[in-house]
Amino acid sequence: MSMISIRKDWCKRCGICIEFCPVKVFAQEADGTPVPQNQDKCTVCRLCELRCPDFAIKVEVTEDESK
C-alpha cells in the first residue's frame, strides 16, 4: 500500500500531479488543491512526486510493496 501526502503550504495548485497520474488517484478541491482521493489505485509510479515543481508531494511505500 502507498501513502500520498501533500504539503498544502508548498503546493501552488498547478495541477501537474493530477494530469500526470495514469490511474487518476487525485481529485481537486474548489481552490485547486489536489487531494489523493483514490489512494488504493496508486501504482507507486511516483510521477506525481517526480513532476511536482514545488516538492509538495511525497509517496511513501509500505514494506510489503517495496519487495
Protein backbone atom coordinates (compact mmCIF):
# COMPACT_ATOMS: atom_id res chain seq x y z
CA MET A 1 0.00 0.00 0.00
CA SER A 2 1.11 3.54 -0.62
CA MET A 3 0.57 6.73 1.32
CA ILE A 4 0.48 10.02 -0.57
CA SER A 5 0.91 13.20 1.39
CA ILE A 6 0.67 16.76 0.11
CA ARG A 7 2.18 19.78 1.82
CA LYS A 8 -0.57 22.29 1.17
CA ASP A 9 1.63 25.17 2.28
CA TRP A 10 4.13 24.30 -0.51
CA CYS A 11 1.58 23.44 -3.21
CA LYS A 12 0.85 26.17 -5.77
CA ARG A 13 -2.13 24.22 -7.19
CA CYS A 14 -0.70 23.87 -10.69
CA GLY A 15 -2.48 20.54 -11.34
CA ILE A 16 0.56 18.76 -12.76
CA CYS A 17 0.15 15.85 -10.34
CA ILE A 18 -3.47 15.45 -11.36
CA GLU A 19 -2.65 15.44 -15.08
CA PHE A 20 0.32 13.06 -14.88
CA CYS A 21 -1.30 10.41 -12.67
CA PRO A 22 -2.00 7.45 -15.00
CA VAL A 23 -4.67 5.96 -12.71
CA LYS A 24 -6.38 9.19 -11.62
CA VAL A 25 -5.62 9.00 -7.90
CA PHE A 26 -6.20 12.72 -7.39
CA ALA A 27 -9.33 14.81 -7.15
CA GLN A 28 -9.27 18.60 -7.00
CA GLU A 29 -10.75 20.80 -4.28
CA ALA A 30 -12.61 24.00 -5.22
CA ASP A 31 -9.43 26.07 -4.71
CA GLY A 32 -7.42 23.73 -6.98
CA THR A 33 -5.65 21.82 -4.23
CA PRO A 34 -5.02 18.18 -5.22
CA VAL A 35 -6.46 15.53 -2.92
CA PRO A 36 -5.33 11.89 -3.09
CA GLN A 37 -8.87 10.56 -3.13
CA ASN A 38 -8.24 7.10 -4.62
CA GLN A 39 -5.00 6.05 -2.92
CA ASP A 40 -5.93 2.38 -3.26
CA LYS A 41 -5.50 2.75 -7.05
CA CYS A 42 -1.94 4.12 -6.71
CA THR A 43 0.63 2.05 -8.63
CA VAL A 44 3.54 3.84 -6.92
CA CYS A 45 4.87 5.15 -10.23
CA ARG A 46 5.76 8.37 -8.37
CA LEU A 47 5.04 10.58 -11.40
CA CYS A 48 3.18 12.98 -9.11
CA GLU A 49 6.18 13.23 -6.79
CA LEU A 50 8.73 13.50 -9.61
CA ARG A 51 6.80 16.10 -11.61
CA CYS A 52 5.80 18.37 -8.72
CA PRO A 53 7.78 21.60 -9.22
CA ASP A 54 7.33 22.55 -5.57
CA PHE A 55 8.34 19.19 -3.99
CA ALA A 56 4.97 19.27 -2.22
CA ILE A 57 4.10 15.59 -2.77
CA LYS A 58 5.60 12.59 -1.05
CA VAL A 59 4.76 8.98 -1.89
CA GLU A 60 5.62 6.53 0.84
CA VAL A 61 5.52 2.77 0.32
CA THR A 62 4.86 0.15 2.94
CA GLU A 63 7.46 -2.58 3.36
CA ASP A 64 5.30 -5.19 1.59
CA GLU A 65 5.24 -3.29 -1.75
CA SER A 66 8.93 -2.45 -1.78
CA LYS A 67 9.90 -6.13 -2.16
